[in-house]
Amino acid sequence: LEERSCSTRVSQSSSNKRTMRAAILLAGLAALAGTPSAVALPPILDRVVSPAYIRLEKYVAGKQIPNAVSVPGRRRLDECAPGEAASPAVDHSAWDELLQAHTAPGGEYGGVKALAVDYHAVSADPRFDAYLETLAAAPAELSPAEELALFMNAYNALCIGLIVSHLRSKGELPKSINDLTSKEGGPVWDLPAGTVCGRKYSLNEIEHDELRKKWDEPAVHACIVCASAS
């Protein structure tokens, strides 16, 4: 048993080192392939660098993101009974109003055009904190379609909430949401982000446990946004 345990630790250590080396190489290729400060590559070199970058990105993501495809019983939204959420138990209208009021087209981040969030306006709007309270007090027993809507909205709201909390405490916006990563708590995605249905969640727990592992639904990937443009 001890020998097997030791072998497992060595194997895991080697795997972690390979993933780390791949991540470092991936960062270097990303710098070549198109970061804002990078010089455009000649077409011939770009045809070599870009496919390598995509393959490495897939490898690193495969090591870091939990596999959900093989989880049995994942649902599709079109399998839910028609009208099962006709009388929703959770009112998301405040969140809809906030997004309508404090997002606008025209933002550009590293050459990527995207909808821009006015975090200062969100921070100053009392409806935001009220909506976070709505998420915290949401009932645990919901129809499947309502549960899907709840956790997709919760992911986006709590993600914005992490940025807003930083703004309120530091007086400025972070350059990247990844800047909120801490030595004590680890990656920002694993930090406590807020409360949903009376339970504390991190963004990773919402994305992987409540959404990806329960739903075989393209809307999950289309609707949750990690304060990033791509």
C-alpha atoms as a PDB file:
ATOM      1  CA  LEU A   1       0.000   0.000   0.000  1.00  0.00           C
ATOM      2  CA  GLU A   2       2.784   2.404   0.888  1.00  0.00           C
ATOM      3  CA  GLU A   3       4.602   1.676  -2.353  1.00  0.00           C
ATOM      4  CA  ARG A   4       1.417   2.187  -4.359  1.00  0.00           C
ATOM      5  CA  SER A   5       0.691   5.436  -2.501  1.00  0.00           C
ATOM      6  CA  CYS A   6       4.209   6.688  -3.147  1.00  0.00           C
ATOM      7  CA  SER A   7       3.914   5.796  -6.826  1.00  0.00           C
ATOM      8  CA  THR A   8       0.647   7.711  -7.039  1.00  0.00           C
ATOM      9  CA  ARG A   9       2.202  10.788  -5.472  1.00  0.00           C
ATOM     10  CA  VAL A  10       5.132  10.676  -7.901  1.00  0.00           C
ATOM     11  CA  SER A  11       2.749  10.250 -10.823  1.00  0.00           C
ATOM     12  CA  GLN A  12       0.615  13.165  -9.664  1.00  0.00           C
ATOM     13  CA  SER A  13       3.706  15.310  -9.127  1.00  0.00           C
ATOM     14  CA  SER A  14       4.966  14.546 -12.624  1.00  0.00           C
ATOM     15  CA  SER A  15       1.535  15.306 -14.069  1.00  0.00           C
ATOM     16  CA  ASN A  16       1.391  18.619 -12.204  1.00  0.00           C
ATOM     17  CA  LYS A  17       4.850  19.552 -13.474  1.00  0.00           C
ATOM     18  CA  ARG A  18       3.862  18.712 -17.053  1.00  0.00           C
ATOM     19  CA  THR A  19       0.709  20.818 -16.711  1.00  0.00           C
ATOM     20  CA  MET A  20       2.721  23.697 -15.253  1.00  0.00           C
ATOM     21  CA  ARG A  21       5.276  23.531 -18.069  1.00  0.00           C
ATOM     22  CA  ALA A  22       2.451  23.453 -20.605  1.00  0.00           C
ATOM     23  CA  ALA A  23       0.801  26.451 -18.927  1.00  0.00           C
ATOM     24  CA  ILE A  24       4.065  28.426 -19.072  1.00  0.00           C
ATOM     25  CA  LEU A  25       4.512  27.553 -22.736  1.00  0.00           C
ATOM     26  CA  LEU A  26       0.862  28.428 -23.347  1.00  0.00           C
ATOM     27  CA  ALA A  27       1.423  31.875 -21.832  1.00  0.00           C
ATOM     28  CA  GLY A  28       4.400  32.398 -24.125  1.00  0.00           C
ATOM     29  CA  LEU A  29       2.439  31.353 -27.186  1.00  0.00           C
ATOM     30  CA  ALA A  30      -0.427  33.597 -26.108  1.00  0.00           C
ATOM     31  CA  ALA A  31       1.966  36.530 -26.069  1.00  0.00           C
ATOM     32  CA  LEU A  32       3.031  35.659 -29.598  1.00  0.00           C
ATOM     33  CA  ALA A  33      -0.438  34.858 -30.863  1.00  0.00           C
ATOM     34  CA  GLY A  34      -2.207  38.073 -30.089  1.00  0.00           C
ATOM     35  CA  THR A  35      -2.043  39.830 -26.740  1.00  0.00           C
ATOM     36  CA  PRO A  36      -2.675  43.594 -26.938  1.00  0.00           C
ATOM     37  CA  SER A  37       1.034  44.387 -26.680  1.00  0.00           C
ATOM     38  CA  ALA A  38       2.121  41.758 -29.177  1.00  0.00           C
ATOM     39  CA  VAL A  39       3.279  42.587 -32.681  1.00  0.00           C
ATOM     40  CA  ALA A  40       1.238  40.931 -35.428  1.00  0.00           C
ATOM     41  CA  LEU A  41       2.899  37.766 -36.639  1.00  0.00           C
ATOM     42  CA  PRO A  42       3.675  37.094 -40.301  1.00  0.00           C
ATOM     43  CA  PRO A  43       0.981  34.816 -41.785  1.00  0.00           C
ATOM     44  CA  ILE A  44       3.364  31.858 -42.176  1.00  0.00           C
ATOM     45  CA  LEU A  45       4.442  32.020 -38.515  1.00  0.00           C
ATOM     46  CA  ASP A  46       0.875  32.618 -37.372  1.00  0.00           C
ATOM     47  CA  ARG A  47      -0.220  29.385 -39.085  1.00  0.00           C
ATOM     48  CA  VAL A  48       2.342  27.540 -36.967  1.00  0.00           C
ATOM     49  CA  VAL A  49       1.816  29.332 -33.638  1.00  0.00           C
ATOM     50  CA  SER A  50      -1.993  29.503 -33.542  1.00  0.00           C
ATOM     51  CA  PRO A  51      -2.725  25.742 -33.920  1.00  0.00           C
ATOM     52  CA  ALA A  52      -0.042  24.961 -31.319  1.00  0.00           C
ATOM     53  CA  TYR A  53      -1.601  27.485 -28.964  1.00  0.00           C
ATOM     54  CA  ILE A  54      -5.068  25.956 -29.419  1.00  0.00           C
ATOM     55  CA  ARG A  55      -3.783  22.425 -28.751  1.00  0.00           C
ATOM     56  CA  LEU A  56      -1.896  23.523 -25.640  1.00  0.00           C
ATOM     57  CA  GLU A  57      -4.884  25.506 -24.386  1.00  0.00           C
ATOM     58  CA  LYS A  58      -7.053  22.399 -24.754  1.00  0.00           C
ATOM     59  CA  TYR A  59      -4.470  20.302 -22.892  1.00  0.00           C
ATOM     60  CA  VAL A  60      -4.180  22.739 -19.974  1.00  0.00           C
ATOM     61  CA  ALA A  61      -7.963  23.193 -19.761  1.00  0.00           C
ATOM     62  CA  GLY A  62      -8.441  19.420 -19.780  1.00  0.00           C
ATOM     63  CA  LYS A  63      -6.184  19.120 -16.721  1.00  0.00           C
ATOM     64  CA  GLN A  64      -7.799  21.977 -14.808  1.00  0.00           C
ATOM     65  CA  ILE A  65     -11.521  21.765 -15.629  1.00  0.00           C
ATOM     66  CA  PRO A  66     -13.562  18.899 -14.123  1.00  0.00           C
ATOM     67  CA  ASN A  67     -15.002  16.473 -16.650  1.00  0.00           C
ATOM     68  CA  ALA A  68     -18.785  16.773 -16.811  1.00  0.00           C
ATOM     69  CA  VAL A  69     -19.551  14.988 -20.073  1.00  0.00           C
ATOM     70  CA  SER A  70     -19.533  11.538 -18.488  1.00  0.00           C
ATOM     71  CA  VAL A  71     -21.791  12.491 -15.548  1.00  0.00           C
ATOM     72  CA  PRO A  72     -25.065  10.497 -15.905  1.00  0.00           C
ATOM     73  CA  GLY A  73     -28.467  12.150 -15.802  1.00  0.00           C
ATOM     74  CA  ARG A  74     -27.533  15.591 -17.157  1.00  0.00           C
ATOM     75  CA  ARG A  75     -30.618  17.438 -18.359  1.00  0.00           C
ATOM     76  CA  ARG A  76     -31.500  19.538 -21.396  1.00  0.00           C
ATOM     77  CA  LEU A  77     -33.710  22.584 -21.136  1.00  0.00           C
ATOM     78  CA  ASP A  78     -35.919  21.359 -23.973  1.00  0.00           C
ATOM     79  CA  GLU A  79     -36.684  18.258 -21.875  1.00  0.00           C
ATOM     80  CA  CYS A  80     -38.315  20.327 -19.131  1.00  0.00           C
ATOM     81  CA  ALA A  81     -42.101  20.376 -19.022  1.00  0.00           C
ATOM     82  CA  PRO A  82     -43.605  23.349 -20.908  1.00  0.00           C
ATOM     83  CA  GLY A  83     -44.723  26.058 -18.529  1.00  0.00           C
ATOM     84  CA  GLU A  84     -43.129  24.470 -15.469  1.00  0.00           C
ATOM     85  CA  ALA A  85     -41.721  27.894 -14.520  1.00  0.00           C
ATOM     86  CA  ALA A  86     -44.862  29.841 -15.416  1.00  0.00           C
ATOM     87  CA  SER A  87     -45.060  31.180 -11.855  1.00  0.00           C
ATOM     88  CA  PRO A  88     -41.389  31.645 -10.928  1.00  0.00           C
ATOM     89  CA  ALA A  89     -40.507  31.341  -7.269  1.00  0.00           C
ATOM     90  CA  VAL A  90     -37.509  33.689  -7.676  1.00  0.00           C
ATOM     91  CA  ASP A  91     -37.942  37.184  -9.102  1.00  0.00           C
ATOM     92  CA  HIS A  92     -34.998  38.110 -11.347  1.00  0.00           C
ATOM     93  CA  SER A  93     -36.520  41.369 -12.619  1.00  0.00           C
ATOM     94  CA  ALA A  94     -34.154  43.511 -10.526  1.00  0.00           C
ATOM     95  CA  TRP A  95     -31.170  41.799 -12.112  1.00  0.00           C
ATOM     96  CA  ASP A  96     -32.633  42.363 -15.576  1.00  0.00           C
ATOM     97  CA  GLU A  97     -33.143  46.057 -14.769  1.00  0.00           C
ATOM     98  CA  LEU A  98     -29.568  46.352 -13.492  1.00  0.00           C
ATOM     99  CA  LEU A  99     -28.119  44.849 -16.655  1.00  0.00           C
ATOM    100  CA  GLN A 100     -30.296  47.061 -18.833  1.00  0.00           C
ATOM    101  CA  ALA A 101     -29.185  50.140 -16.890  1.00  0.00           C
ATOM    102  CA  HIS A 102     -25.479  49.465 -16.391  1.00  0.00           C
ATOM    103  CA  THR A 103     -24.232  47.579 -19.458  1.00  0.00           C
ATOM    104  CA  ALA A 104     -23.633  49.039 -22.886  1.00  0.00           C
ATOM    105  CA  PRO A 105     -22.080  47.962 -26.194  1.00  0.00           C
ATOM    106  CA  GLY A 106     -18.851  49.525 -27.355  1.00  0.00           C
ATOM    107  CA  GLY A 107     -16.353  48.174 -24.860  1.00  0.00           C
ATOM    108  CA  GLU A 108     -13.052  46.940 -26.293  1.00  0.00           C
ATOM    109  CA  TYR A 109     -10.590  44.778 -24.378  1.00  0.00           C
ATOM    110  CA  GLY A 110      -7.394  43.642 -26.032  1.00  0.00           C
ATOM    111  CA  GLY A 111      -8.965  44.073 -29.448  1.00  0.00           C
ATOM    112  CA  VAL A 112     -12.112  42.165 -28.438  1.00  0.00           C
ATOM    113  CA  LYS A 113     -15.338  44.159 -28.720  1.00  0.00           C
ATOM    114  CA  ALA A 114     -17.746  43.308 -25.927  1.00  0.00           C
ATOM    115  CA  LEU A 115     -20.628  44.527 -23.836  1.00  0.00           C
ATOM    116  CA  ALA A 116     -19.173  46.712 -21.084  1.00  0.00           C
ATOM    117  CA  VAL A 117     -20.282  46.640 -17.439  1.00  0.00           C
ATOM    118  CA  ASP A 118     -20.230  49.937 -15.534  1.00  0.00           C
ATOM    119  CA  TYR A 119     -18.995  48.518 -12.231  1.00  0.00           C
ATOM    120  CA  HIS A 120     -19.034  51.902 -10.500  1.00  0.00           C
ATOM    121  CA  ALA A 121     -22.713  52.343 -11.355  1.00  0.00           C
ATOM    122  CA  VAL A 122     -23.531  48.786 -10.254  1.00  0.00           C
ATOM    123  CA  SER A 123     -21.730  49.397  -6.948  1.00  0.00           C
ATOM    124  CA  ALA A 124     -23.741  52.552  -6.304  1.00  0.00           C
ATOM    125  CA  ASP A 125     -27.102  51.015  -7.233  1.00  0.00           C
ATOM    126  CA  PRO A 126     -28.977  49.654  -4.162  1.00  0.00           C
ATOM    127  CA  ARG A 127     -30.805  47.180  -6.404  1.00  0.00           C
ATOM    128  CA  PHE A 128     -27.588  45.167  -6.733  1.00  0.00           C
ATOM    129  CA  ASP A 129     -27.259  44.380  -3.028  1.00  0.00           C
ATOM    130  CA  ALA A 130     -30.990  43.728  -2.884  1.00  0.00           C
ATOM    131  CA  TYR A 131     -30.673  41.189  -5.693  1.00  0.00           C
ATOM    132  CA  LEU A 132     -27.815  39.428  -3.900  1.00  0.00           C
ATOM    133  CA  GLU A 133     -30.163  39.103  -0.919  1.00  0.00           C
ATOM    134  CA  THR A 134     -32.779  37.603  -3.250  1.00  0.00           C
ATOM    135  CA  LEU A 135     -30.280  34.961  -4.377  1.00  0.00           C
ATOM    136  CA  ALA A 136     -29.330  34.161  -0.787  1.00  0.00           C
ATOM    137  CA  ALA A 137     -32.966  33.721   0.233  1.00  0.00           C
ATOM    138  CA  ALA A 138     -34.023  31.702  -2.822  1.00  0.00           C
ATOM    139  CA  PRO A 139     -35.776  28.408  -1.970  1.00  0.00           C
ATOM    140  CA  ALA A 140     -33.764  25.235  -2.386  1.00  0.00           C
ATOM    141  CA  GLU A 141     -36.684  23.395  -4.013  1.00  0.00           C
ATOM    142  CA  LEU A 142     -37.212  24.740  -7.522  1.00  0.00           C
ATOM    143  CA  SER A 143     -38.337  23.345 -10.852  1.00  0.00           C
ATOM    144  CA  PRO A 144     -35.366  22.306 -13.026  1.00  0.00           C
ATOM    145  CA  ALA A 145     -35.799  25.230 -15.422  1.00  0.00           C
ATOM    146  CA  GLU A 146     -35.975  27.692 -12.531  1.00  0.00           C
ATOM    147  CA  GLU A 147     -32.916  26.149 -10.937  1.00  0.00           C
ATOM    148  CA  LEU A 148     -30.975  26.542 -14.188  1.00  0.00           C
ATOM    149  CA  ALA A 149     -31.986  30.201 -14.479  1.00  0.00           C
ATOM    150  CA  LEU A 150     -31.166  30.814 -10.817  1.00  0.00           C
ATOM    151  CA  PHE A 151     -27.625  29.477 -10.983  1.00  0.00           C
ATOM    152  CA  MET A 152     -26.790  31.093 -14.327  1.00  0.00           C
ATOM    153  CA  ASN A 153     -27.961  34.457 -12.996  1.00  0.00           C
ATOM    154  CA  ALA A 154     -26.214  33.803  -9.682  1.00  0.00           C
ATOM    155  CA  TYR A 155     -22.905  33.054 -11.404  1.00  0.00           C
ATOM    156  CA  ASN A 156     -22.964  36.336 -13.296  1.00  0.00           C
ATOM    157  CA  ALA A 157     -24.176  38.410 -10.348  1.00  0.00           C
ATOM    158  CA  LEU A 158     -21.657  36.942  -7.899  1.00  0.00           C
ATOM    159  CA  CYS A 159     -18.854  37.326 -10.434  1.00  0.00           C
ATOM    160  CA  ILE A 160     -19.711  41.009 -10.747  1.00  0.00           C
ATOM    161  CA  GLY A 161     -20.051  41.068  -6.972  1.00  0.00           C
ATOM    162  CA  LEU A 162     -16.405  40.036  -6.540  1.00  0.00           C
ATOM    163  CA  ILE A 163     -15.331  42.969  -8.713  1.00  0.00           C
ATOM    164  CA  VAL A 164     -17.667  45.336  -6.863  1.00  0.00           C
ATOM    165  CA  SER A 165     -16.367  44.165  -3.471  1.00  0.00           C
ATOM    166  CA  HIS A 166     -12.806  44.889  -4.597  1.00  0.00           C
ATOM    167  CA  LEU A 167     -13.870  48.300  -5.882  1.00  0.00           C
ATOM    168  CA  ARG A 168     -15.561  49.156  -2.606  1.00  0.00           C
ATOM    169  CA  SER A 169     -12.637  48.032  -0.447  1.00  0.00           C
ATOM    170  CA  LYS A 170      -9.735  49.263  -2.600  1.00  0.00           C
ATOM    171  CA  GLY A 171     -11.342  52.239  -4.328  1.00  0.00           C
ATOM    172  CA  GLU A 172     -10.320  51.023  -7.784  1.00  0.00           C
ATOM    173  CA  LEU A 173     -11.076  48.271 -10.248  1.00  0.00           C
ATOM    174  CA  PRO A 174      -8.666  45.350 -10.659  1.00  0.00           C
ATOM    175  CA  LYS A 175      -6.926  45.107 -14.014  1.00  0.00           C
ATOM    176  CA  SER A 176      -8.199  41.529 -14.243  1.00  0.00           C
ATOM    177  CA  ILE A 177     -10.510  39.371 -12.176  1.00  0.00           C
ATOM    178  CA  ASN A 178      -7.520  37.042 -11.773  1.00  0.00           C
ATOM    179  CA  ASP A 179      -5.899  39.769  -9.659  1.00  0.00           C
ATOM    180  CA  LEU A 180      -8.382  38.812  -6.922  1.00  0.00           C
ATOM    181  CA  THR A 181      -6.596  35.479  -6.472  1.00  0.00           C
ATOM    182  CA  SER A 182      -5.096  35.276  -2.979  1.00  0.00           C
ATOM    183  CA  LYS A 183      -2.279  33.278  -1.387  1.00  0.00           C
ATOM    184  CA  GLU A 184      -4.601  32.214   1.416  1.00  0.00           C
ATOM    185  CA  GLY A 185      -7.713  31.357  -0.591  1.00  0.00           C
ATOM    186  CA  GLY A 186      -6.198  30.324  -3.910  1.00  0.00           C
ATOM    187  CA  PRO A 187      -7.619  31.147  -7.363  1.00  0.00           C
ATOM    188  CA  VAL A 188     -10.437  33.673  -7.470  1.00  0.00           C
ATOM    189  CA  TRP A 189     -12.709  30.964  -8.895  1.00  0.00           C
ATOM    190  CA  ASP A 190     -12.393  28.970  -5.650  1.00  0.00           C
ATOM    191  CA  LEU A 191     -12.961  31.875  -3.257  1.00  0.00           C
ATOM    192  CA  PRO A 192     -16.343  32.245  -1.507  1.00  0.00           C
ATOM    193  CA  ALA A 193     -18.313  34.398  -3.926  1.00  0.00           C
ATOM    194  CA  GLY A 194     -21.691  34.651  -2.219  1.00  0.00           C
ATOM    195  CA  THR A 195     -24.761  32.840  -0.985  1.00  0.00           C
ATOM    196  CA  VAL A 196     -27.402  31.072  -3.064  1.00  0.00           C
ATOM    197  CA  CYS A 197     -30.337  29.216  -1.484  1.00  0.00           C
ATOM    198  CA  GLY A 198     -28.780  29.739   1.930  1.00  0.00           C
ATOM    199  CA  ARG A 199     -25.463  28.101   1.001  1.00  0.00           C
ATOM    200  CA  LYS A 200     -22.059  29.668   0.369  1.00  0.00           C
ATOM    201  CA  TYR A 201     -20.687  29.050  -3.123  1.00  0.00           C
ATOM    202  CA  SER A 202     -17.552  29.739  -5.092  1.00  0.00           C
ATOM    203  CA  LEU A 203     -17.836  30.483  -8.807  1.00  0.00           C
ATOM    204  CA  ASN A 204     -16.274  27.098  -9.614  1.00  0.00           C
ATOM    205  CA  GLU A 205     -18.852  25.306  -7.465  1.00  0.00           C
ATOM    206  CA  ILE A 206     -21.685  27.024  -9.317  1.00  0.00           C
ATOM    207  CA  GLU A 207     -20.206  26.451 -12.768  1.00  0.00           C
ATOM    208  CA  HIS A 208     -19.087  22.863 -12.371  1.00  0.00           C
ATOM    209  CA  ASP A 209     -21.317  21.360  -9.658  1.00  0.00           C
ATOM    210  CA  GLU A 210     -24.638  23.155 -10.194  1.00  0.00           C
ATOM    211  CA  LEU A 211     -24.460  23.804 -13.929  1.00  0.00           C
ATOM    212  CA  ARG A 212     -22.065  21.662 -15.998  1.00  0.00           C
ATOM    213  CA  LYS A 213     -22.512  18.421 -14.029  1.00  0.00           C
ATOM    214  CA  LYS A 214     -26.291  18.741 -13.943  1.00  0.00           C
ATOM    215  CA  TRP A 215     -27.006  20.208 -17.371  1.00  0.00           C
ATOM    216  CA  ASP A 216     -26.108  19.123 -20.898  1.00  0.00           C
ATOM    217  CA  GLU A 217     -27.192  22.543 -22.041  1.00  0.00           C
ATOM    218  CA  PRO A 218     -25.441  24.932 -24.486  1.00  0.00           C
ATOM    219  CA  ALA A 219     -27.107  27.880 -22.716  1.00  0.00           C
ATOM    220  CA  VAL A 220     -24.734  27.327 -19.792  1.00  0.00           C
ATOM    221  CA  HIS A 221     -21.731  28.201 -21.925  1.00  0.00           C
ATOM    222  CA  ALA A 222     -23.514  31.019 -23.722  1.00  0.00           C
ATOM    223  CA  CYS A 223     -24.984  32.696 -20.640  1.00  0.00           C
ATOM    224  CA  ILE A 224     -22.357  32.683 -17.896  1.00  0.00           C
ATOM    225  CA  VAL A 225     -19.580  35.258 -18.130  1.00  0.00           C
ATOM    226  CA  CYS A 226     -16.445  35.339 -15.974  1.00  0.00           C
ATOM    227  CA  ALA A 227     -15.862  39.117 -16.147  1.00  0.00           C
ATOM    228  CA  SER A 228     -13.783  38.518 -19.271  1.00  0.00           C
ATOM    229  CA  ALA A 229     -13.856  39.162 -23.005  1.00  0.00           C
ATOM    230  CA  SER A 230     -12.871  36.540 -25.555  1.00  0.00           C
END
